[in-house]
Amino acid sequence: MKKITITMAFSILLLSSLTVVAQTQSHEDLLKEIAAKRAELSKLEKAVSELEKALLVPTEKDRAAYADFLRQPDTGLIRLLPRETYDFGNFQGMTLRGGGAYYSFKERTNEYVNSSDISLEQGELNTGFAGANYGLLANLGDVPLESVSLEAAAARTLAQYTPAPDEPHARIEQRRVSEGTTINGVSYKNRQPFRLNSTYVLRSVNYHASDTLVAFRVVRIDSDQSAIILWKLLKQYPTPILARN
C-alpha cells in the first residue's frame, strides 16, 4: 500500500509539473515535444522487446547439455515463463502477448497466437485456449524423450485420433478432456501438473491454425519457476477446419 501511495503521489506531482510546463508552451512547441517523446518511447519499447526475447532464451549451458539431441530435425529447447508472474498487468509483466507463458510448435514462438499449443500457469501445463480449440495431454512420467515415437503407445493413440469435425462435437471433446479421459489405458487431459523430469505427449487441435502431435520433457526449472523444455515434433497434420453447422 505504501508503494502505491508513493507512486500515486509521484504521478500527481509529475502531471502537475507537466501541466504547468504545457501552459507556458506554444501549441507548436507542444507538438514538437510530443513527437520527441514518442520517438523516445519507441526506442524504449524496442529495447524492452529485445530484453524480453533474451529472457526467453534458454542458457548456453542448457543448449550444450542437449546439443546432440538438438541436431536432430524438428527438435528444440524453449523456456516457458509462469503466466501468473509475467503476463501483462502483473508487476513483472512483459509486453509480449501472453507474457512468454505460451508456445506454438508450428510457429516456433512464445507469443500467444492462434496456434499456441501449451502454456504454463499456476504449476500446470495447459492446452486448448480459444474458441473450440482443445488438446489431449498425457504425462508419461520419467521416461527418456528419445524413446517417445509414433510407435509408442500413448503417441500412437494420439496419432490415430481424428479431431472433431464441427463445433458441437468439438465442444463435447473440450468437456471430455477437461474432465479427463482414458484411451487404451493412457489418461489424457487438457492440463497436467508441471513436473521436473517428466515427459509429456500432446495432440493440440487449433482450428484454422494447426494440428500438432509433439512430445516434450521438462529438463530444468529456473529460480523464477520458468520451465526449460526439450521437445520434438512427432507429426504436423493438415490444418483442421471447423464446420459451424
C-alpha atoms as a PDB file:
ATOM      1  CA  MET A   1       0.000   0.000   0.000  1.00  0.00           C
ATOM      2  CA  LYS A   2       2.875   2.357   0.805  1.00  0.00           C
ATOM      3  CA  LYS A   3       4.388   1.766  -2.656  1.00  0.00           C
ATOM      4  CA  ILE A   4       1.074   2.538  -4.309  1.00  0.00           C
ATOM      5  CA  THR A   5       0.696   5.745  -2.326  1.00  0.00           C
ATOM      6  CA  ILE A   6       4.200   6.931  -3.218  1.00  0.00           C
ATOM      7  CA  THR A   7       3.672   6.067  -6.885  1.00  0.00           C
ATOM      8  CA  MET A   8       0.371   7.901  -6.986  1.00  0.00           C
ATOM      9  CA  ALA A   9       1.872  10.934  -5.303  1.00  0.00           C
ATOM     10  CA  PHE A  10       4.789  10.961  -7.746  1.00  0.00           C
ATOM     11  CA  SER A  11       2.409  10.640 -10.707  1.00  0.00           C
ATOM     12  CA  ILE A  12       0.251  13.513  -9.466  1.00  0.00           C
ATOM     13  CA  LEU A  13       3.334  15.678  -8.952  1.00  0.00           C
ATOM     14  CA  LEU A  14       4.661  14.799 -12.412  1.00  0.00           C
ATOM     15  CA  LEU A  15       1.330  15.511 -14.077  1.00  0.00           C
ATOM     16  CA  SER A  16       1.050  18.790 -12.234  1.00  0.00           C
ATOM     17  CA  SER A  17       4.511  19.877 -13.362  1.00  0.00           C
ATOM     18  CA  LEU A  18       3.766  18.845 -16.940  1.00  0.00           C
ATOM     19  CA  THR A  19       0.533  20.818 -16.841  1.00  0.00           C
ATOM     20  CA  VAL A  20       2.378  23.923 -15.660  1.00  0.00           C
ATOM     21  CA  VAL A  21       5.008  23.494 -18.392  1.00  0.00           C
ATOM     22  CA  ALA A  22       2.331  22.898 -21.034  1.00  0.00           C
ATOM     23  CA  GLN A  23       0.551  26.089 -20.081  1.00  0.00           C
ATOM     24  CA  THR A  24       3.718  28.089 -20.792  1.00  0.00           C
ATOM     25  CA  GLN A  25       4.492  26.459 -24.171  1.00  0.00           C
ATOM     26  CA  SER A  26       3.107  27.325 -27.569  1.00  0.00           C
ATOM     27  CA  HIS A  27       0.950  24.888 -29.495  1.00  0.00           C
ATOM     28  CA  GLU A  28       3.762  24.240 -31.980  1.00  0.00           C
ATOM     29  CA  ASP A  29       6.304  23.591 -29.212  1.00  0.00           C
ATOM     30  CA  LEU A  30       3.964  21.085 -27.577  1.00  0.00           C
ATOM     31  CA  LEU A  31       3.549  19.188 -30.855  1.00  0.00           C
ATOM     32  CA  LYS A  32       7.332  19.034 -31.268  1.00  0.00           C
ATOM     33  CA  GLU A  33       7.780  17.765 -27.710  1.00  0.00           C
ATOM     34  CA  ILE A  34       5.092  15.126 -28.160  1.00  0.00           C
ATOM     35  CA  ALA A  35       6.853  13.887 -31.311  1.00  0.00           C
ATOM     36  CA  ALA A  36      10.180  13.763 -29.472  1.00  0.00           C
ATOM     37  CA  LYS A  37       8.708  11.852 -26.530  1.00  0.00           C
ATOM     38  CA  ARG A  38       7.054   9.394 -28.900  1.00  0.00           C
ATOM     39  CA  ALA A  39      10.415   8.767 -30.562  1.00  0.00           C
ATOM     40  CA  GLU A  40      11.972   8.154 -27.134  1.00  0.00           C
ATOM     41  CA  LEU A  41       9.130   5.798 -26.212  1.00  0.00           C
ATOM     42  CA  SER A  42       9.554   3.875 -29.462  1.00  0.00           C
ATOM     43  CA  LYS A  43      13.261   3.346 -28.696  1.00  0.00           C
ATOM     44  CA  LEU A  44      12.430   2.189 -25.168  1.00  0.00           C
ATOM     45  CA  GLU A  45       9.798  -0.244 -26.446  1.00  0.00           C
ATOM     46  CA  LYS A  46      12.292  -1.752 -28.895  1.00  0.00           C
ATOM     47  CA  ALA A  47      14.890  -2.073 -26.147  1.00  0.00           C
ATOM     48  CA  VAL A  48      12.368  -3.761 -23.812  1.00  0.00           C
ATOM     49  CA  SER A  49      11.302  -6.120 -26.614  1.00  0.00           C
ATOM     50  CA  GLU A  50      14.907  -7.221 -27.172  1.00  0.00           C
ATOM     51  CA  LEU A  51      15.407  -7.798 -23.449  1.00  0.00           C
ATOM     52  CA  GLU A  52      12.224  -9.865 -23.273  1.00  0.00           C
ATOM     53  CA  LYS A  53      13.425 -12.039 -26.158  1.00  0.00           C
ATOM     54  CA  ALA A  54      16.710 -12.578 -24.329  1.00  0.00           C
ATOM     55  CA  LEU A  55      14.845 -13.526 -21.147  1.00  0.00           C
ATOM     56  CA  LEU A  56      13.045 -16.307 -23.013  1.00  0.00           C
ATOM     57  CA  VAL A  57      16.190 -17.907 -24.435  1.00  0.00           C
ATOM     58  CA  PRO A  58      17.481 -20.989 -22.565  1.00  0.00           C
ATOM     59  CA  THR A  59      21.047 -20.651 -21.325  1.00  0.00           C
ATOM     60  CA  GLU A  60      24.088 -21.761 -23.296  1.00  0.00           C
ATOM     61  CA  LYS A  61      24.646 -24.389 -20.627  1.00  0.00           C
ATOM     62  CA  ASP A  62      21.163 -25.797 -21.291  1.00  0.00           C
ATOM     63  CA  ARG A  63      21.782 -25.905 -25.033  1.00  0.00           C
ATOM     64  CA  ALA A  64      25.184 -27.532 -24.585  1.00  0.00           C
ATOM     65  CA  ALA A  65      23.679 -30.264 -22.387  1.00  0.00           C
ATOM     66  CA  TYR A  66      21.295 -31.310 -25.192  1.00  0.00           C
ATOM     67  CA  ALA A  67      23.411 -30.404 -28.211  1.00  0.00           C
ATOM     68  CA  ASP A  68      23.300 -33.904 -29.715  1.00  0.00           C
ATOM     69  CA  PHE A  69      19.534 -34.135 -29.401  1.00  0.00           C
ATOM     70  CA  LEU A  70      19.065 -30.647 -30.891  1.00  0.00           C
ATOM     71  CA  ARG A  71      20.983 -31.639 -34.024  1.00  0.00           C
ATOM     72  CA  GLN A  72      18.029 -33.810 -34.992  1.00  0.00           C
ATOM     73  CA  PRO A  73      15.345 -32.284 -37.233  1.00  0.00           C
ATOM     74  CA  ASP A  74      12.134 -30.884 -35.718  1.00  0.00           C
ATOM     75  CA  THR A  75      13.532 -30.550 -32.206  1.00  0.00           C
ATOM     76  CA  GLY A  76      14.008 -27.572 -29.924  1.00  0.00           C
ATOM     77  CA  LEU A  77      14.688 -26.189 -26.478  1.00  0.00           C
ATOM     78  CA  ILE A  78      12.406 -23.475 -25.112  1.00  0.00           C
ATOM     79  CA  ARG A  79      11.569 -21.599 -21.948  1.00  0.00           C
ATOM     80  CA  LEU A  80       8.036 -21.081 -20.646  1.00  0.00           C
ATOM     81  CA  LEU A  81       7.532 -18.294 -18.129  1.00  0.00           C
ATOM     82  CA  PRO A  82       4.845 -18.686 -15.436  1.00  0.00           C
ATOM     83  CA  ARG A  83       1.890 -16.640 -16.650  1.00  0.00           C
ATOM     84  CA  GLU A  84       0.844 -15.512 -13.180  1.00  0.00           C
ATOM     85  CA  THR A  85       4.196 -13.725 -12.835  1.00  0.00           C
ATOM     86  CA  TYR A  86       4.963 -12.360 -16.285  1.00  0.00           C
ATOM     87  CA  ASP A  87       1.729 -11.779 -18.175  1.00  0.00           C
ATOM     88  CA  PHE A  88       0.914  -8.139 -18.928  1.00  0.00           C
ATOM     89  CA  GLY A  89      -0.668  -6.332 -15.998  1.00  0.00           C
ATOM     90  CA  ASN A  90       1.398  -8.119 -13.369  1.00  0.00           C
ATOM     91  CA  PHE A  91       4.264  -6.447 -11.531  1.00  0.00           C
ATOM     92  CA  GLN A  92       6.900  -8.008 -13.792  1.00  0.00           C
ATOM     93  CA  GLY A  93       4.545  -8.145 -16.769  1.00  0.00           C
ATOM     94  CA  MET A  94       6.013  -8.409 -20.261  1.00  0.00           C
ATOM     95  CA  THR A  95       4.834  -6.556 -23.340  1.00  0.00           C
ATOM     96  CA  LEU A  96       4.902  -9.845 -25.285  1.00  0.00           C
ATOM     97  CA  ARG A  97       1.351 -11.095 -25.724  1.00  0.00           C
ATOM     98  CA  GLY A  98       0.819 -13.907 -23.231  1.00  0.00           C
ATOM     99  CA  GLY A  99       3.819 -12.954 -21.113  1.00  0.00           C
ATOM    100  CA  GLY A 100       6.079 -15.659 -22.579  1.00  0.00           C
ATOM    101  CA  ALA A 101       3.920 -18.350 -20.957  1.00  0.00           C
ATOM    102  CA  TYR A 102       2.784 -19.870 -24.278  1.00  0.00           C
ATOM    103  CA  TYR A 103       4.409 -21.738 -27.140  1.00  0.00           C
ATOM    104  CA  SER A 104       3.377 -22.686 -30.649  1.00  0.00           C
ATOM    105  CA  PHE A 105       5.308 -25.643 -32.060  1.00  0.00           C
ATOM    106  CA  LYS A 106       4.148 -24.718 -35.563  1.00  0.00           C
ATOM    107  CA  GLU A 107       5.095 -21.045 -35.464  1.00  0.00           C
ATOM    108  CA  ARG A 108       8.025 -21.587 -33.046  1.00  0.00           C
ATOM    109  CA  THR A 109       7.057 -18.584 -30.940  1.00  0.00           C
ATOM    110  CA  ASN A 110       6.384 -17.773 -27.280  1.00  0.00           C
ATOM    111  CA  GLU A 111       3.908 -15.083 -28.261  1.00  0.00           C
ATOM    112  CA  TYR A 112       0.272 -16.047 -27.805  1.00  0.00           C
ATOM    113  CA  VAL A 113      -1.093 -16.811 -31.290  1.00  0.00           C
ATOM    114  CA  ASN A 114      -3.958 -18.860 -32.756  1.00  0.00           C
ATOM    115  CA  SER A 115      -1.692 -21.909 -32.990  1.00  0.00           C
ATOM    116  CA  SER A 116      -0.389 -21.787 -29.403  1.00  0.00           C
ATOM    117  CA  ASP A 117      -0.212 -25.344 -28.066  1.00  0.00           C
ATOM    118  CA  ILE A 118       0.873 -25.175 -24.419  1.00  0.00           C
ATOM    119  CA  SER A 119       1.091 -22.716 -21.552  1.00  0.00           C
ATOM    120  CA  LEU A 120       2.458 -22.664 -18.022  1.00  0.00           C
ATOM    121  CA  GLU A 121       0.289 -21.257 -15.246  1.00  0.00           C
ATOM    122  CA  GLN A 122      -0.162 -21.920 -11.527  1.00  0.00           C
ATOM    123  CA  GLY A 123       2.001 -25.030 -11.602  1.00  0.00           C
ATOM    124  CA  GLU A 124       0.154 -26.627 -14.525  1.00  0.00           C
ATOM    125  CA  LEU A 125       0.785 -27.169 -18.221  1.00  0.00           C
ATOM    126  CA  ASN A 126      -2.342 -26.323 -20.201  1.00  0.00           C
ATOM    127  CA  THR A 127      -3.575 -26.749 -23.771  1.00  0.00           C
ATOM    128  CA  GLY A 128      -6.604 -25.522 -25.753  1.00  0.00           C
ATOM    129  CA  PHE A 129      -7.093 -21.787 -25.306  1.00  0.00           C
ATOM    130  CA  ALA A 130      -9.611 -20.170 -27.645  1.00  0.00           C
ATOM    131  CA  GLY A 131     -12.961 -20.943 -29.196  1.00  0.00           C
ATOM    132  CA  ALA A 132     -13.465 -24.640 -29.873  1.00  0.00           C
ATOM    133  CA  ASN A 133      -9.736 -25.457 -29.733  1.00  0.00           C
ATOM    134  CA  TYR A 134      -8.660 -28.289 -27.444  1.00  0.00           C
ATOM    135  CA  GLY A 135      -5.815 -30.673 -26.776  1.00  0.00           C
ATOM    136  CA  LEU A 136      -5.116 -34.101 -25.294  1.00  0.00           C
ATOM    137  CA  LEU A 137      -2.125 -34.036 -22.950  1.00  0.00           C
ATOM    138  CA  ALA A 138      -0.615 -37.029 -21.134  1.00  0.00           C
ATOM    139  CA  ASN A 139       2.192 -37.209 -18.579  1.00  0.00           C
ATOM    140  CA  LEU A 140       4.308 -40.278 -19.339  1.00  0.00           C
ATOM    141  CA  GLY A 141       6.481 -39.858 -16.249  1.00  0.00           C
ATOM    142  CA  ASP A 142      10.260 -40.034 -16.133  1.00  0.00           C
ATOM    143  CA  VAL A 143      10.923 -41.671 -19.488  1.00  0.00           C
ATOM    144  CA  PRO A 144      13.601 -40.554 -21.980  1.00  0.00           C
ATOM    145  CA  LEU A 145      12.287 -38.204 -24.628  1.00  0.00           C
ATOM    146  CA  GLU A 146      14.302 -40.149 -27.198  1.00  0.00           C
ATOM    147  CA  SER A 147      12.152 -43.225 -26.523  1.00  0.00           C
ATOM    148  CA  VAL A 148       8.894 -41.481 -27.487  1.00  0.00           C
ATOM    149  CA  SER A 149       7.998 -42.010 -31.132  1.00  0.00           C
ATOM    150  CA  LEU A 150       4.869 -42.588 -33.205  1.00  0.00           C
ATOM    151  CA  GLU A 151       5.193 -46.261 -32.262  1.00  0.00           C
ATOM    152  CA  ALA A 152       4.961 -45.543 -28.523  1.00  0.00           C
ATOM    153  CA  ALA A 153       1.535 -46.468 -27.122  1.00  0.00           C
ATOM    154  CA  ALA A 154       0.449 -43.013 -25.955  1.00  0.00           C
ATOM    155  CA  ALA A 155       1.690 -41.277 -29.108  1.00  0.00           C
ATOM    156  CA  ARG A 156       0.223 -43.961 -31.394  1.00  0.00           C
ATOM    157  CA  THR A 157      -3.207 -43.425 -29.842  1.00  0.00           C
ATOM    158  CA  LEU A 158      -2.973 -39.686 -30.436  1.00  0.00           C
ATOM    159  CA  ALA A 159      -1.634 -40.197 -33.957  1.00  0.00           C
ATOM    160  CA  GLN A 160      -4.757 -42.209 -34.809  1.00  0.00           C
ATOM    161  CA  TYR A 161      -7.084 -39.647 -33.229  1.00  0.00           C
ATOM    162  CA  THR A 162      -9.444 -37.764 -35.561  1.00  0.00           C
ATOM    163  CA  PRO A 163     -10.311 -34.189 -34.473  1.00  0.00           C
ATOM    164  CA  ALA A 164     -13.950 -33.251 -34.077  1.00  0.00           C
ATOM    165  CA  PRO A 165     -15.301 -32.050 -37.461  1.00  0.00           C
ATOM    166  CA  ASP A 166     -17.808 -29.474 -36.245  1.00  0.00           C
ATOM    167  CA  GLU A 167     -18.397 -27.152 -33.316  1.00  0.00           C
ATOM    168  CA  PRO A 168     -20.960 -29.259 -31.389  1.00  0.00           C
ATOM    169  CA  HIS A 169     -18.614 -32.253 -31.367  1.00  0.00           C
ATOM    170  CA  ALA A 170     -15.610 -30.059 -30.610  1.00  0.00           C
ATOM    171  CA  ARG A 171     -17.421 -28.741 -27.520  1.00  0.00           C
ATOM    172  CA  ILE A 172     -18.079 -32.329 -26.442  1.00  0.00           C
ATOM    173  CA  GLU A 173     -14.364 -33.092 -26.821  1.00  0.00           C
ATOM    174  CA  GLN A 174     -13.498 -29.975 -24.836  1.00  0.00           C
ATOM    175  CA  ARG A 175     -15.638 -31.145 -21.923  1.00  0.00           C
ATOM    176  CA  ARG A 176     -14.249 -34.654 -22.171  1.00  0.00           C
ATOM    177  CA  VAL A 177     -10.598 -33.587 -21.963  1.00  0.00           C
ATOM    178  CA  SER A 178     -11.399 -31.041 -19.273  1.00  0.00           C
ATOM    179  CA  GLU A 179     -12.778 -33.812 -17.070  1.00  0.00           C
ATOM    180  CA  GLY A 180     -10.083 -36.261 -18.174  1.00  0.00           C
ATOM    181  CA  THR A 181     -10.410 -39.310 -20.387  1.00  0.00           C
ATOM    182  CA  THR A 182      -8.640 -42.659 -20.672  1.00  0.00           C
ATOM    183  CA  ILE A 183      -7.879 -44.152 -24.088  1.00  0.00           C
ATOM    184  CA  ASN A 184      -6.129 -47.516 -24.426  1.00  0.00           C
ATOM    185  CA  GLY A 185      -5.024 -47.351 -20.817  1.00  0.00           C
ATOM    186  CA  VAL A 186      -3.478 -43.851 -21.025  1.00  0.00           C
ATOM    187  CA  SER A 187      -5.011 -40.873 -19.225  1.00  0.00           C
ATOM    188  CA  TYR A 188      -5.343 -37.650 -21.210  1.00  0.00           C
ATOM    189  CA  LYS A 189      -6.475 -34.234 -20.074  1.00  0.00           C
ATOM    190  CA  ASN A 190      -6.257 -30.600 -21.179  1.00  0.00           C
ATOM    191  CA  ARG A 191      -3.932 -29.840 -18.257  1.00  0.00           C
ATOM    192  CA  GLN A 192      -1.312 -31.728 -16.300  1.00  0.00           C
ATOM    193  CA  PRO A 193       0.807 -30.922 -13.235  1.00  0.00           C
ATOM    194  CA  PHE A 194       4.112 -29.314 -14.156  1.00  0.00           C
ATOM    195  CA  ARG A 195       6.853 -31.728 -13.051  1.00  0.00           C
ATOM    196  CA  LEU A 196      10.618 -31.743 -13.396  1.00  0.00           C
ATOM    197  CA  ASN A 197      11.986 -34.731 -15.373  1.00  0.00           C
ATOM    198  CA  SER A 198       8.543 -35.614 -16.674  1.00  0.00           C
ATOM    199  CA  THR A 199       7.929 -36.360 -20.349  1.00  0.00           C
ATOM    200  CA  TYR A 200       4.621 -35.429 -21.966  1.00  0.00           C
ATOM    201  CA  VAL A 201       2.874 -36.180 -25.233  1.00  0.00           C
ATOM    202  CA  LEU A 202       0.339 -33.758 -26.726  1.00  0.00           C
ATOM    203  CA  ARG A 203      -2.116 -33.641 -29.625  1.00  0.00           C
ATOM    204  CA  SER A 204      -3.103 -29.997 -29.969  1.00  0.00           C
ATOM    205  CA  VAL A 205      -6.060 -29.120 -32.213  1.00  0.00           C
ATOM    206  CA  ASN A 206      -6.309 -25.426 -33.112  1.00  0.00           C
ATOM    207  CA  TYR A 207      -8.997 -24.926 -35.735  1.00  0.00           C
ATOM    208  CA  HIS A 208      -8.000 -22.923 -38.811  1.00  0.00           C
ATOM    209  CA  ALA A 209      -4.455 -22.734 -37.406  1.00  0.00           C
ATOM    210  CA  SER A 210      -2.693 -26.040 -36.626  1.00  0.00           C
ATOM    211  CA  ASP A 211      -2.964 -29.692 -35.620  1.00  0.00           C
ATOM    212  CA  THR A 212       0.203 -30.875 -33.897  1.00  0.00           C
ATOM    213  CA  LEU A 213       1.468 -34.048 -32.253  1.00  0.00           C
ATOM    214  CA  VAL A 214       4.517 -33.366 -30.092  1.00  0.00           C
ATOM    215  CA  ALA A 215       6.487 -34.914 -27.228  1.00  0.00           C
ATOM    216  CA  PHE A 216       8.361 -32.777 -24.714  1.00  0.00           C
ATOM    217  CA  ARG A 217      10.216 -33.029 -21.413  1.00  0.00           C
ATOM    218  CA  VAL A 218      10.725 -30.584 -18.538  1.00  0.00           C
ATOM    219  CA  VAL A 219      14.509 -30.705 -18.126  1.00  0.00           C
ATOM    220  CA  ARG A 220      15.012 -27.792 -15.713  1.00  0.00           C
ATOM    221  CA  ILE A 221      13.045 -25.388 -13.525  1.00  0.00           C
ATOM    222  CA  ASP A 222      14.667 -21.980 -13.051  1.00  0.00           C
ATOM    223  CA  SER A 223      14.662 -19.810  -9.917  1.00  0.00           C
ATOM    224  CA  ASP A 224      11.593 -17.857 -11.154  1.00  0.00           C
ATOM    225  CA  GLN A 225       9.726 -21.149 -11.755  1.00  0.00           C
ATOM    226  CA  SER A 226      10.110 -20.853 -15.511  1.00  0.00           C
ATOM    227  CA  ALA A 227      10.393 -24.178 -17.342  1.00  0.00           C
ATOM    228  CA  ILE A 228      13.161 -25.254 -19.693  1.00  0.00           C
ATOM    229  CA  ILE A 229      11.509 -27.690 -22.088  1.00  0.00           C
ATOM    230  CA  LEU A 230      13.132 -30.036 -24.596  1.00  0.00           C
ATOM    231  CA  TRP A 231      10.779 -31.067 -27.405  1.00  0.00           C
ATOM    232  CA  LYS A 232      10.468 -32.959 -30.648  1.00  0.00           C
ATOM    233  CA  LEU A 233       7.730 -32.794 -33.245  1.00  0.00           C
ATOM    234  CA  LEU A 234       6.186 -36.191 -33.962  1.00  0.00           C
ATOM    235  CA  LYS A 235       3.772 -35.118 -36.683  1.00  0.00           C
ATOM    236  CA  GLN A 236       2.204 -31.974 -38.151  1.00  0.00           C
ATOM    237  CA  TYR A 237      -1.247 -32.588 -39.605  1.00  0.00           C
ATOM    238  CA  PRO A 238      -3.206 -30.570 -42.171  1.00  0.00           C
ATOM    239  CA  THR A 239      -4.882 -27.500 -40.690  1.00  0.00           C
ATOM    240  CA  PRO A 240      -8.240 -28.568 -39.197  1.00  0.00           C
ATOM    241  CA  ILE A 241     -11.320 -26.714 -40.397  1.00  0.00           C
ATOM    242  CA  LEU A 242     -14.284 -26.354 -38.056  1.00  0.00           C
ATOM    243  CA  ALA A 243     -17.722 -26.765 -39.621  1.00  0.00           C
ATOM    244  CA  ARG A 244     -20.113 -24.398 -37.856  1.00  0.00           C
ATOM    245  CA  ASN A 245     -23.342 -26.181 -38.771  1.00  0.00           C
END
